[in-house]
Amino acid sequence: MRREAARSRRVSLTVVLTVAVFASGSAHAQWPPVPVEIAATEPGSTILVRGAGRELPCGERCVLYLPEHQYRVVIRDAEGHGSATALNILEPISLAVTPANYYEKVRGVGLFVGGLAAAVVGVVMLFVAQHNDVRYASGACPNCSETPSWQWYAGGAVMATGLAVGAMGMFVWRTNASARVQTRPFAAPPPPPAPAAPPPPLP
């Protein structure tokens, strides 16, 4: 008995049948509900569905019956890092949800911030070079000299590199900011077997 109970706790498939009257704030949800199968693609992840004034825990895998509405699918990976995506439920559907890559997102944020800082340094270098050239050309600074060309090139290169790194960081950041969802038509469960025919009466 204990072995069967432990085995049932390890089963990732949790079927949740949700047919409830939603609160007045969710009166815009369209009935009747439709079946939605949701499964996490990474072991150890847990899913929560929010929408129409409800929060529906799904675990690693579940089947929900939901009114037509826009929902937010929240998934946490095995380490507890959360990500989410919005989804319109209009028909029976099967969803495979993949959590966002948390470490890639952090790397993207770091690249974006570092690239932005480098671009600012490049702009400052170009500004200083221009300022010195203006003062030299106007005679306001007799002891000044014309800015060497390498300083212009260095400032431009630093700014361009910073912008490129920042753009790449923004792309990596945004790509890994939300959970990813793959959809396919819902596969209806097979019908129950027909009852056995009664035995013929004895003569």
N, C-alpha and C. Protein backbone atom coordinates (compact mmCIF):
# COMPACT_ATOMS: atom_id res chain seq x y z
N MET A 1 0.82 -1.20 0.00
CA MET A 1 0.00 0.00 0.00
C MET A 1 0.86 1.26 0.00
N ARG A 2 1.89 1.27 0.87
CA ARG A 2 2.79 2.42 0.91
C ARG A 2 3.54 2.58 -0.40
N ARG A 3 3.95 1.42 -0.99
CA ARG A 3 4.67 1.50 -2.26
C ARG A 3 3.80 2.11 -3.34
N GLU A 4 2.52 1.74 -3.36
CA GLU A 4 1.63 2.30 -4.38
C GLU A 4 1.41 3.79 -4.15
N ALA A 5 1.32 4.21 -2.87
CA ALA A 5 1.14 5.63 -2.59
C ALA A 5 2.36 6.43 -3.01
N ALA A 6 3.57 5.90 -2.74
CA ALA A 6 4.80 6.60 -3.15
C ALA A 6 4.89 6.68 -4.66
N ARG A 7 4.46 5.61 -5.32
CA ARG A 7 4.52 5.61 -6.79
C ARG A 7 3.56 6.64 -7.35
N SER A 8 2.38 6.78 -6.73
CA SER A 8 1.40 7.75 -7.22
C SER A 8 1.91 9.17 -7.04
N ARG A 9 2.71 9.42 -5.99
CA ARG A 9 3.25 10.76 -5.80
C ARG A 9 4.27 11.10 -6.86
N ARG A 10 4.91 10.08 -7.46
CA ARG A 10 5.92 10.35 -8.47
C ARG A 10 5.32 10.51 -9.85
N VAL A 11 4.10 10.17 -9.99
CA VAL A 11 3.47 10.29 -11.30
C VAL A 11 3.29 11.76 -11.63
N SER A 12 3.78 12.19 -12.79
CA SER A 12 3.74 13.60 -13.15
C SER A 12 2.42 14.01 -13.73
N LEU A 13 1.58 13.03 -14.12
CA LEU A 13 0.32 13.37 -14.77
C LEU A 13 -0.74 13.65 -13.72
N THR A 14 -1.22 14.87 -13.68
CA THR A 14 -2.27 15.26 -12.75
C THR A 14 -3.43 15.79 -13.56
N VAL A 15 -4.54 15.09 -13.52
CA VAL A 15 -5.71 15.51 -14.29
C VAL A 15 -6.61 16.33 -13.40
N VAL A 16 -6.84 17.57 -13.80
CA VAL A 16 -7.67 18.48 -13.03
C VAL A 16 -8.85 18.86 -13.90
N LEU A 17 -10.06 18.55 -13.47
CA LEU A 17 -11.26 18.92 -14.20
C LEU A 17 -11.84 20.14 -13.52
N THR A 18 -11.79 21.28 -14.23
CA THR A 18 -12.22 22.53 -13.64
C THR A 18 -13.44 23.04 -14.39
N VAL A 19 -14.60 22.84 -13.78
CA VAL A 19 -15.83 23.42 -14.33
C VAL A 19 -16.49 24.15 -13.17
N ALA A 20 -16.25 25.46 -13.05
CA ALA A 20 -16.71 26.23 -11.90
C ALA A 20 -17.36 27.51 -12.38
N VAL A 21 -18.18 28.08 -11.55
CA VAL A 21 -18.78 29.37 -11.85
C VAL A 21 -17.78 30.44 -11.44
N PHE A 22 -17.33 31.25 -12.41
CA PHE A 22 -16.31 32.24 -12.14
C PHE A 22 -16.94 33.46 -11.47
N ALA A 23 -16.09 34.23 -10.80
CA ALA A 23 -16.56 35.39 -10.06
C ALA A 23 -17.12 36.44 -11.01
N SER A 24 -17.78 37.45 -10.45
CA SER A 24 -18.42 38.46 -11.28
C SER A 24 -17.41 39.21 -12.12
N GLY A 25 -16.17 39.32 -11.65
CA GLY A 25 -15.14 40.00 -12.44
C GLY A 25 -14.76 39.23 -13.67
N SER A 26 -15.16 37.99 -13.81
CA SER A 26 -14.82 37.18 -14.98
C SER A 26 -16.04 36.88 -15.82
N ALA A 27 -17.04 37.75 -15.77
CA ALA A 27 -18.27 37.48 -16.50
C ALA A 27 -18.07 37.50 -18.00
N HIS A 28 -16.94 38.11 -18.47
CA HIS A 28 -16.67 38.18 -19.90
C HIS A 28 -16.13 36.86 -20.44
N ALA A 29 -15.83 35.89 -19.58
CA ALA A 29 -15.35 34.60 -20.07
C ALA A 29 -16.47 33.89 -20.81
N GLN A 30 -16.11 33.23 -21.90
CA GLN A 30 -17.11 32.60 -22.76
C GLN A 30 -17.25 31.13 -22.40
N TRP A 31 -18.50 30.68 -22.26
CA TRP A 31 -18.80 29.29 -21.99
C TRP A 31 -19.28 28.64 -23.28
N PRO A 32 -19.28 27.34 -23.43
CA PRO A 32 -18.87 26.34 -22.44
C PRO A 32 -17.36 26.19 -22.39
N PRO A 33 -16.84 25.58 -21.33
CA PRO A 33 -15.39 25.39 -21.23
C PRO A 33 -14.89 24.38 -22.26
N VAL A 34 -13.60 24.53 -22.60
CA VAL A 34 -12.97 23.62 -23.57
C VAL A 34 -11.81 22.91 -22.88
N PRO A 35 -11.51 21.68 -23.26
CA PRO A 35 -10.40 20.96 -22.64
C PRO A 35 -9.05 21.50 -23.12
N VAL A 36 -8.13 21.69 -22.19
CA VAL A 36 -6.79 22.19 -22.48
C VAL A 36 -5.79 21.29 -21.75
N GLU A 37 -4.94 20.61 -22.51
CA GLU A 37 -3.89 19.77 -21.93
C GLU A 37 -2.61 20.58 -21.85
N ILE A 38 -2.00 20.63 -20.68
CA ILE A 38 -0.79 21.43 -20.47
C ILE A 38 0.29 20.52 -19.88
N ALA A 39 1.49 20.56 -20.46
CA ALA A 39 2.58 19.73 -19.97
C ALA A 39 3.88 20.52 -20.02
N ALA A 40 4.69 20.41 -18.97
CA ALA A 40 6.01 21.03 -18.94
C ALA A 40 7.00 20.14 -19.69
N THR A 41 7.88 20.75 -20.46
CA THR A 41 8.86 19.98 -21.22
C THR A 41 10.10 19.64 -20.41
N GLU A 42 10.32 20.33 -19.30
CA GLU A 42 11.49 20.06 -18.47
C GLU A 42 11.05 19.40 -17.16
N PRO A 43 11.63 18.26 -16.81
CA PRO A 43 11.25 17.58 -15.56
C PRO A 43 11.46 18.48 -14.34
N GLY A 44 10.57 18.39 -13.39
CA GLY A 44 10.68 19.18 -12.17
C GLY A 44 10.03 20.54 -12.25
N SER A 45 9.55 20.94 -13.43
CA SER A 45 8.89 22.23 -13.57
C SER A 45 7.45 22.13 -13.08
N THR A 46 6.91 23.25 -12.63
CA THR A 46 5.52 23.31 -12.19
C THR A 46 4.82 24.46 -12.90
N ILE A 47 3.54 24.26 -13.19
CA ILE A 47 2.77 25.21 -14.00
C ILE A 47 1.59 25.74 -13.18
N LEU A 48 1.30 27.02 -13.37
CA LEU A 48 0.14 27.66 -12.78
C LEU A 48 -0.56 28.46 -13.87
N VAL A 49 -1.87 28.31 -13.98
CA VAL A 49 -2.65 29.03 -14.99
C VAL A 49 -3.48 30.10 -14.29
N ARG A 50 -3.36 31.34 -14.77
CA ARG A 50 -4.11 32.45 -14.20
C ARG A 50 -5.02 33.05 -15.27
N GLY A 51 -6.21 33.44 -14.88
CA GLY A 51 -7.11 34.08 -15.82
C GLY A 51 -8.54 34.02 -15.35
N ALA A 52 -9.34 34.99 -15.83
CA ALA A 52 -10.75 35.05 -15.47
C ALA A 52 -10.95 35.03 -13.96
N GLY A 53 -10.05 35.66 -13.24
CA GLY A 53 -10.18 35.76 -11.79
C GLY A 53 -9.84 34.50 -11.03
N ARG A 54 -9.17 33.55 -11.68
CA ARG A 54 -8.85 32.27 -11.03
C ARG A 54 -7.36 31.99 -11.14
N GLU A 55 -6.85 31.19 -10.20
CA GLU A 55 -5.51 30.63 -10.26
C GLU A 55 -5.63 29.12 -10.17
N LEU A 56 -5.17 28.43 -11.19
CA LEU A 56 -5.35 26.98 -11.27
C LEU A 56 -4.00 26.30 -11.27
N PRO A 57 -3.57 25.68 -10.15
CA PRO A 57 -2.30 24.93 -10.14
C PRO A 57 -2.42 23.71 -11.03
N CYS A 58 -1.36 23.48 -11.80
CA CYS A 58 -1.39 22.41 -12.80
C CYS A 58 -0.30 21.36 -12.54
N GLY A 59 0.69 21.68 -11.72
CA GLY A 59 1.78 20.73 -11.51
C GLY A 59 2.65 20.63 -12.76
N GLU A 60 3.12 19.44 -13.03
CA GLU A 60 3.98 19.22 -14.20
C GLU A 60 3.16 18.88 -15.43
N ARG A 61 1.94 18.38 -15.21
CA ARG A 61 1.10 18.01 -16.34
C ARG A 61 -0.36 17.94 -15.86
N CYS A 62 -1.28 18.48 -16.66
CA CYS A 62 -2.68 18.43 -16.26
C CYS A 62 -3.58 18.64 -17.46
N VAL A 63 -4.85 18.41 -17.24
CA VAL A 63 -5.90 18.73 -18.20
C VAL A 63 -6.90 19.63 -17.50
N LEU A 64 -7.13 20.83 -18.04
CA LEU A 64 -8.07 21.78 -17.46
C LEU A 64 -9.22 21.99 -18.43
N TYR A 65 -10.40 22.25 -17.88
CA TYR A 65 -11.53 22.65 -18.70
C TYR A 65 -11.76 24.14 -18.45
N LEU A 66 -11.48 24.96 -19.47
CA LEU A 66 -11.43 26.40 -19.30
C LEU A 66 -12.39 27.10 -20.25
N PRO A 67 -13.09 28.15 -19.78
CA PRO A 67 -13.87 28.98 -20.70
C PRO A 67 -12.94 29.72 -21.67
N GLU A 68 -13.46 30.11 -22.82
CA GLU A 68 -12.67 30.88 -23.78
C GLU A 68 -12.30 32.22 -23.15
N HIS A 69 -11.01 32.48 -23.10
CA HIS A 69 -10.53 33.67 -22.40
C HIS A 69 -9.03 33.78 -22.63
N GLN A 70 -8.43 34.91 -22.24
CA GLN A 70 -6.98 35.04 -22.27
C GLN A 70 -6.43 34.65 -20.89
N TYR A 71 -5.45 33.78 -20.91
CA TYR A 71 -4.85 33.28 -19.67
C TYR A 71 -3.35 33.57 -19.66
N ARG A 72 -2.82 33.54 -18.47
CA ARG A 72 -1.37 33.69 -18.29
C ARG A 72 -0.85 32.37 -17.73
N VAL A 73 0.05 31.76 -18.47
CA VAL A 73 0.64 30.48 -18.07
C VAL A 73 1.97 30.77 -17.39
N VAL A 74 2.06 30.46 -16.11
CA VAL A 74 3.27 30.71 -15.32
C VAL A 74 3.95 29.36 -15.05
N ILE A 75 5.25 29.28 -15.34
CA ILE A 75 5.98 28.03 -15.12
C ILE A 75 7.25 28.33 -14.31
N ARG A 76 7.53 27.46 -13.38
CA ARG A 76 8.77 27.55 -12.59
C ARG A 76 9.61 26.31 -12.88
N ASP A 77 10.89 26.54 -13.17
CA ASP A 77 11.76 25.40 -13.45
C ASP A 77 12.13 24.69 -12.16
N ALA A 78 12.94 23.66 -12.28
CA ALA A 78 13.29 22.85 -11.11
C ALA A 78 14.05 23.65 -10.06
N GLU A 79 14.69 24.77 -10.45
CA GLU A 79 15.43 25.60 -9.50
C GLU A 79 14.59 26.73 -8.93
N GLY A 80 13.34 26.83 -9.37
CA GLY A 80 12.44 27.84 -8.82
C GLY A 80 12.39 29.14 -9.59
N HIS A 81 13.06 29.24 -10.73
CA HIS A 81 13.04 30.46 -11.52
C HIS A 81 11.75 30.50 -12.34
N GLY A 82 11.00 31.59 -12.23
CA GLY A 82 9.71 31.68 -12.88
C GLY A 82 9.75 32.46 -14.17
N SER A 83 8.87 32.10 -15.09
CA SER A 83 8.66 32.83 -16.33
C SER A 83 7.22 32.59 -16.74
N ALA A 84 6.72 33.42 -17.65
CA ALA A 84 5.30 33.32 -18.00
C ALA A 84 5.09 33.76 -19.44
N THR A 85 3.91 33.46 -19.94
CA THR A 85 3.49 33.92 -21.26
C THR A 85 1.97 34.00 -21.28
N ALA A 86 1.44 34.87 -22.14
CA ALA A 86 0.00 35.02 -22.28
C ALA A 86 -0.50 34.15 -23.42
N LEU A 87 -1.73 33.66 -23.27
CA LEU A 87 -2.27 32.74 -24.26
C LEU A 87 -3.79 32.89 -24.32
N ASN A 88 -4.31 32.97 -25.54
CA ASN A 88 -5.76 33.00 -25.73
C ASN A 88 -6.27 31.57 -25.93
N ILE A 89 -7.20 31.16 -25.10
CA ILE A 89 -7.82 29.83 -25.23
C ILE A 89 -9.13 30.00 -25.98
N LEU A 90 -9.20 29.45 -27.19
CA LEU A 90 -10.39 29.57 -28.02
C LEU A 90 -10.97 28.22 -28.42
N GLU A 91 -10.19 27.15 -28.29
CA GLU A 91 -10.65 25.84 -28.73
C GLU A 91 -9.86 24.78 -27.96
N PRO A 92 -10.29 23.52 -28.01
CA PRO A 92 -9.50 22.46 -27.37
C PRO A 92 -8.08 22.44 -27.93
N ILE A 93 -7.10 22.39 -27.03
CA ILE A 93 -5.73 22.54 -27.46
C ILE A 93 -4.80 21.81 -26.49
N SER A 94 -3.65 21.41 -26.99
CA SER A 94 -2.62 20.79 -26.17
C SER A 94 -1.39 21.70 -26.17
N LEU A 95 -0.86 21.99 -24.99
CA LEU A 95 0.25 22.93 -24.84
C LEU A 95 1.47 22.24 -24.25
N ALA A 96 2.63 22.49 -24.83
CA ALA A 96 3.90 22.07 -24.26
C ALA A 96 4.65 23.34 -23.85
N VAL A 97 4.89 23.51 -22.55
CA VAL A 97 5.44 24.76 -22.01
C VAL A 97 6.89 24.54 -21.59
N THR A 98 7.77 25.41 -22.08
CA THR A 98 9.20 25.35 -21.74
C THR A 98 9.56 26.60 -20.95
N PRO A 99 10.13 26.46 -19.76
CA PRO A 99 10.51 27.66 -18.99
C PRO A 99 11.62 28.43 -19.68
N ALA A 100 11.64 29.74 -19.44
CA ALA A 100 12.71 30.57 -19.98
C ALA A 100 14.04 30.17 -19.37
N ASN A 101 15.11 30.35 -20.14
CA ASN A 101 16.46 30.07 -19.66
C ASN A 101 16.91 31.23 -18.77
N TYR A 102 16.86 31.03 -17.47
CA TYR A 102 17.16 32.12 -16.53
C TYR A 102 18.58 32.63 -16.69
N TYR A 103 19.53 31.74 -16.85
CA TYR A 103 20.94 32.16 -16.90
C TYR A 103 21.25 32.89 -18.21
N GLU A 104 20.60 32.49 -19.30
CA GLU A 104 20.78 33.24 -20.55
C GLU A 104 20.16 34.63 -20.44
N LYS A 105 19.03 34.72 -19.74
CA LYS A 105 18.42 36.03 -19.54
C LYS A 105 19.34 36.96 -18.75
N VAL A 106 19.95 36.41 -17.68
CA VAL A 106 20.88 37.21 -16.89
C VAL A 106 22.09 37.62 -17.73
N ARG A 107 22.58 36.71 -18.57
CA ARG A 107 23.70 37.05 -19.44
C ARG A 107 23.32 38.15 -20.42
N GLY A 108 22.10 38.09 -20.94
CA GLY A 108 21.65 39.14 -21.85
C GLY A 108 21.57 40.49 -21.18
N VAL A 109 21.07 40.52 -19.93
CA VAL A 109 21.01 41.78 -19.19
C VAL A 109 22.41 42.33 -18.97
N GLY A 110 23.37 41.45 -18.63
CA GLY A 110 24.74 41.90 -18.42
C GLY A 110 25.36 42.46 -19.68
N LEU A 111 25.13 41.80 -20.82
CA LEU A 111 25.65 42.30 -22.09
C LEU A 111 25.03 43.65 -22.45
N PHE A 112 23.74 43.77 -22.21
CA PHE A 112 23.07 45.03 -22.53
C PHE A 112 23.63 46.18 -21.70
N VAL A 113 23.76 45.96 -20.39
CA VAL A 113 24.27 47.03 -19.51
C VAL A 113 25.72 47.36 -19.85
N GLY A 114 26.55 46.31 -20.06
CA GLY A 114 27.95 46.55 -20.41
C GLY A 114 28.10 47.27 -21.74
N GLY A 115 27.30 46.85 -22.74
CA GLY A 115 27.36 47.52 -24.03
C GLY A 115 26.92 48.96 -23.96
N LEU A 116 25.87 49.23 -23.17
CA LEU A 116 25.41 50.61 -23.01
C LEU A 116 26.47 51.47 -22.36
N ALA A 117 27.15 50.92 -21.34
CA ALA A 117 28.22 51.67 -20.67
C ALA A 117 29.37 51.96 -21.63
N ALA A 118 29.74 50.98 -22.46
CA ALA A 118 30.81 51.18 -23.43
C ALA A 118 30.42 52.25 -24.45
N ALA A 119 29.17 52.23 -24.89
CA ALA A 119 28.72 53.23 -25.86
C ALA A 119 28.81 54.64 -25.27
N VAL A 120 28.46 54.77 -23.99
CA VAL A 120 28.55 56.08 -23.33
C VAL A 120 30.00 56.54 -23.26
N VAL A 121 30.93 55.61 -22.95
CA VAL A 121 32.35 55.96 -22.91
C VAL A 121 32.81 56.44 -24.29
N GLY A 122 32.39 55.75 -25.34
CA GLY A 122 32.76 56.17 -26.69
C GLY A 122 32.24 57.54 -27.04
N VAL A 123 30.98 57.84 -26.64
CA VAL A 123 30.42 59.16 -26.90
C VAL A 123 31.20 60.24 -26.16
N VAL A 124 31.59 59.96 -24.91
CA VAL A 124 32.38 60.93 -24.13
C VAL A 124 33.73 61.17 -24.80
N MET A 125 34.38 60.12 -25.29
CA MET A 125 35.66 60.28 -25.97
C MET A 125 35.52 61.16 -27.21
N LEU A 126 34.46 60.95 -27.99
CA LEU A 126 34.23 61.78 -29.18
C LEU A 126 33.92 63.22 -28.80
N PHE A 127 33.16 63.40 -27.73
CA PHE A 127 32.83 64.76 -27.29
C PHE A 127 34.08 65.52 -26.86
N VAL A 128 34.94 64.85 -26.09
CA VAL A 128 36.16 65.50 -25.63
C VAL A 128 37.07 65.85 -26.81
N ALA A 129 37.16 64.92 -27.77
CA ALA A 129 38.00 65.20 -28.94
C ALA A 129 37.46 66.39 -29.72
N GLN A 130 36.17 66.47 -29.90
CA GLN A 130 35.59 67.60 -30.62
C GLN A 130 35.77 68.90 -29.86
N HIS A 131 35.57 68.83 -28.54
CA HIS A 131 35.74 70.03 -27.72
C HIS A 131 37.16 70.57 -27.80
N ASN A 132 38.15 69.68 -27.74
CA ASN A 132 39.54 70.12 -27.83
C ASN A 132 39.84 70.72 -29.20
N ASP A 133 39.30 70.13 -30.26
CA ASP A 133 39.54 70.67 -31.60
C ASP A 133 38.93 72.06 -31.76
N VAL A 134 37.73 72.24 -31.19
CA VAL A 134 37.08 73.55 -31.29
C VAL A 134 37.89 74.60 -30.55
N ARG A 135 38.35 74.30 -29.37
CA ARG A 135 39.15 75.25 -28.59
C ARG A 135 40.46 75.55 -29.29
N TYR A 136 41.08 74.53 -29.91
CA TYR A 136 42.34 74.74 -30.62
C TYR A 136 42.12 75.61 -31.86
N ALA A 137 41.06 75.34 -32.59
CA ALA A 137 40.81 76.11 -33.82
C ALA A 137 40.43 77.55 -33.52
N SER A 138 39.75 77.82 -32.41
CA SER A 138 39.32 79.17 -32.08
C SER A 138 40.41 79.98 -31.40
N GLY A 139 41.49 79.32 -31.00
CA GLY A 139 42.57 80.02 -30.32
C GLY A 139 42.30 80.23 -28.85
N ALA A 140 41.25 79.65 -28.33
CA ALA A 140 40.93 79.82 -26.91
C ALA A 140 41.93 79.11 -26.02
N CYS A 141 42.67 78.16 -26.59
CA CYS A 141 43.65 77.42 -25.80
C CYS A 141 44.97 77.40 -26.58
N PRO A 142 45.82 78.38 -26.34
CA PRO A 142 47.08 78.46 -27.11
C PRO A 142 47.98 77.24 -26.91
N ASN A 143 47.92 76.63 -25.74
CA ASN A 143 48.78 75.49 -25.45
C ASN A 143 48.20 74.16 -25.94
N CYS A 144 46.94 74.19 -26.46
CA CYS A 144 46.32 72.96 -26.93
C CYS A 144 46.83 72.60 -28.32
N SER A 145 46.63 71.37 -28.69
CA SER A 145 47.00 70.90 -30.02
C SER A 145 45.80 70.17 -30.63
N GLU A 146 45.84 69.99 -31.92
CA GLU A 146 44.75 69.30 -32.60
C GLU A 146 44.66 67.85 -32.12
N THR A 147 43.44 67.39 -31.97
CA THR A 147 43.23 66.02 -31.47
C THR A 147 43.78 65.02 -32.47
N PRO A 148 44.62 64.07 -32.01
CA PRO A 148 45.14 63.04 -32.93
C PRO A 148 44.00 62.22 -33.53
N SER A 149 44.20 61.78 -34.75
CA SER A 149 43.15 61.03 -35.43
C SER A 149 42.84 59.72 -34.72
N TRP A 150 43.82 59.12 -34.04
CA TRP A 150 43.56 57.84 -33.40
C TRP A 150 42.52 57.96 -32.29
N GLN A 151 42.45 59.16 -31.66
CA GLN A 151 41.45 59.34 -30.62
C GLN A 151 40.03 59.34 -31.21
N TRP A 152 39.88 59.92 -32.39
CA TRP A 152 38.59 59.87 -33.06
C TRP A 152 38.22 58.42 -33.40
N TYR A 153 39.19 57.71 -33.96
CA TYR A 153 38.92 56.31 -34.32
C TYR A 153 38.59 55.47 -33.08
N ALA A 154 39.34 55.69 -32.00
CA ALA A 154 39.12 54.92 -30.77
C ALA A 154 37.73 55.20 -30.20
N GLY A 155 37.37 56.48 -30.16
CA GLY A 155 36.06 56.83 -29.64
C GLY A 155 34.94 56.24 -30.48
N GLY A 156 35.09 56.31 -31.81
CA GLY A 156 34.07 55.73 -32.69
C GLY A 156 33.98 54.22 -32.55
N ALA A 157 35.15 53.56 -32.43
CA ALA A 157 35.16 52.10 -32.31
C ALA A 157 34.53 51.66 -31.00
N VAL A 158 34.85 52.36 -29.91
CA VAL A 158 34.28 52.00 -28.61
C VAL A 158 32.76 52.19 -28.63
N MET A 159 32.30 53.28 -29.21
CA MET A 159 30.85 53.53 -29.27
C MET A 159 30.15 52.47 -30.11
N ALA A 160 30.72 52.16 -31.30
CA ALA A 160 30.09 51.18 -32.18
C ALA A 160 30.07 49.79 -31.54
N THR A 161 31.19 49.42 -30.90
CA THR A 161 31.24 48.12 -30.24
C THR A 161 30.22 48.04 -29.10
N GLY A 162 30.12 49.12 -28.33
CA GLY A 162 29.17 49.15 -27.24
C GLY A 162 27.74 49.02 -27.73
N LEU A 163 27.41 49.69 -28.83
CA LEU A 163 26.06 49.59 -29.37
C LEU A 163 25.77 48.18 -29.87
N ALA A 164 26.76 47.55 -30.53
CA ALA A 164 26.56 46.19 -31.04
C ALA A 164 26.37 45.20 -29.89
N VAL A 165 27.22 45.30 -28.86
CA VAL A 165 27.11 44.40 -27.71
C VAL A 165 25.78 44.63 -26.98
N GLY A 166 25.40 45.90 -26.84
CA GLY A 166 24.13 46.19 -26.18
C GLY A 166 22.94 45.65 -26.94
N ALA A 167 22.97 45.76 -28.29
CA ALA A 167 21.88 45.22 -29.09
C ALA A 167 21.82 43.70 -28.97
N MET A 168 22.98 43.04 -28.97
CA MET A 168 22.98 41.59 -28.82
C MET A 168 22.46 41.19 -27.44
N GLY A 169 22.87 41.93 -26.41
CA GLY A 169 22.37 41.65 -25.07
C GLY A 169 20.87 41.82 -24.96
N MET A 170 20.33 42.86 -25.60
CA MET A 170 18.89 43.07 -25.59
C MET A 170 18.17 41.89 -26.26
N PHE A 171 18.73 41.41 -27.37
CA PHE A 171 18.12 40.28 -28.07
C PHE A 171 18.12 39.02 -27.20
N VAL A 172 19.26 38.72 -26.58
CA VAL A 172 19.36 37.54 -25.72
C VAL A 172 18.42 37.68 -24.52
N TRP A 173 18.36 38.86 -23.96
CA TRP A 173 17.50 39.12 -22.82
C TRP A 173 16.04 38.89 -23.17
N ARG A 174 15.57 39.53 -24.27
CA ARG A 174 14.18 39.42 -24.63
C ARG A 174 13.80 38.01 -25.09
N THR A 175 14.74 37.32 -25.74
CA THR A 175 14.47 35.96 -26.20
C THR A 175 14.22 35.02 -25.03
N ASN A 176 14.87 35.26 -23.91
CA ASN A 176 14.77 34.37 -22.76
C ASN A 176 13.97 34.99 -21.61
N ALA A 177 13.17 36.00 -21.91
CA ALA A 177 12.39 36.65 -20.86
C ALA A 177 11.08 35.95 -20.58
N SER A 178 10.53 35.25 -21.58
CA SER A 178 9.21 34.64 -21.43
C SER A 178 9.29 33.13 -21.65
N ALA A 179 8.34 32.43 -21.08
CA ALA A 179 8.23 30.99 -21.33
C ALA A 179 7.83 30.77 -22.80
N ARG A 180 8.20 29.62 -23.33
CA ARG A 180 7.87 29.28 -24.72
C ARG A 180 6.79 28.20 -24.72
N VAL A 181 5.85 28.35 -25.64
CA VAL A 181 4.71 27.43 -25.71
C VAL A 181 4.59 26.89 -27.12
N GLN A 182 4.51 25.57 -27.21
CA GLN A 182 4.20 24.90 -28.48
C GLN A 182 2.78 24.36 -28.39
N THR A 183 2.01 24.57 -29.44
CA THR A 183 0.62 24.16 -29.43
C THR A 183 0.36 23.11 -30.51
N ARG A 184 -0.61 22.27 -30.22
CA ARG A 184 -1.10 21.30 -31.20
C ARG A 184 -2.54 20.96 -30.85
N PRO A 185 -3.31 20.44 -31.80
CA PRO A 185 -4.71 20.11 -31.51
C PRO A 185 -4.82 19.14 -30.34
N PHE A 186 -5.86 19.32 -29.57
CA PHE A 186 -6.08 18.44 -28.42
C PHE A 186 -6.51 17.06 -28.89
N ALA A 187 -5.83 16.04 -28.38
CA ALA A 187 -6.18 14.66 -28.72
C ALA A 187 -7.20 14.16 -27.71
N ALA A 188 -8.42 13.98 -28.17
CA ALA A 188 -9.49 13.53 -27.27
C ALA A 188 -9.19 12.13 -26.76
N PRO A 189 -9.49 11.83 -25.51
CA PRO A 189 -9.26 10.48 -24.99
C PRO A 189 -10.15 9.47 -25.70
N PRO A 190 -9.74 8.21 -25.80
CA PRO A 190 -10.56 7.20 -26.48
C PRO A 190 -11.85 6.97 -25.72
N PRO A 191 -12.93 6.63 -26.44
CA PRO A 191 -14.21 6.39 -25.76
C PRO A 191 -14.12 5.15 -24.88
N PRO A 192 -14.93 5.09 -23.84
CA PRO A 192 -14.90 3.90 -22.96
C PRO A 192 -15.36 2.67 -23.72
N PRO A 193 -14.90 1.49 -23.33
CA PRO A 193 -15.32 0.27 -24.03
C PRO A 193 -16.81 0.02 -23.84
N ALA A 194 -17.40 -0.57 -24.87
CA ALA A 194 -18.84 -0.87 -24.80
C ALA A 194 -19.07 -1.98 -23.78
N PRO A 195 -20.19 -1.92 -23.07
CA PRO A 195 -20.47 -2.97 -22.07
C PRO A 195 -20.64 -4.32 -22.76
N ALA A 196 -20.23 -5.36 -22.06
CA ALA A 196 -20.33 -6.71 -22.61
C ALA A 196 -21.80 -7.10 -22.76
N ALA A 197 -22.09 -7.84 -23.82
CA ALA A 197 -23.47 -8.29 -24.05
C ALA A 197 -23.86 -9.32 -22.99
N PRO A 198 -25.12 -9.28 -22.50
CA PRO A 198 -25.52 -10.27 -21.48
C PRO A 198 -25.56 -11.67 -22.08
N PRO A 199 -25.31 -12.68 -21.27
CA PRO A 199 -25.33 -14.06 -21.80
C PRO A 199 -26.75 -14.46 -22.23
N PRO A 200 -26.87 -15.30 -23.22
CA PRO A 200 -28.21 -15.71 -23.68
C PRO A 200 -28.93 -16.49 -22.57
N PRO A 201 -30.26 -16.38 -22.54
CA PRO A 201 -31.01 -17.09 -21.48
C PRO A 201 -30.92 -18.59 -21.66
N LEU A 202 -30.94 -19.29 -20.56
CA LEU A 202 -30.91 -20.77 -20.60
C LEU A 202 -32.23 -21.30 -21.13
N PRO A 203 -32.16 -22.39 -21.95
CA PRO A 203 -33.42 -22.99 -22.46
C PRO A 203 -34.24 -23.61 -21.34
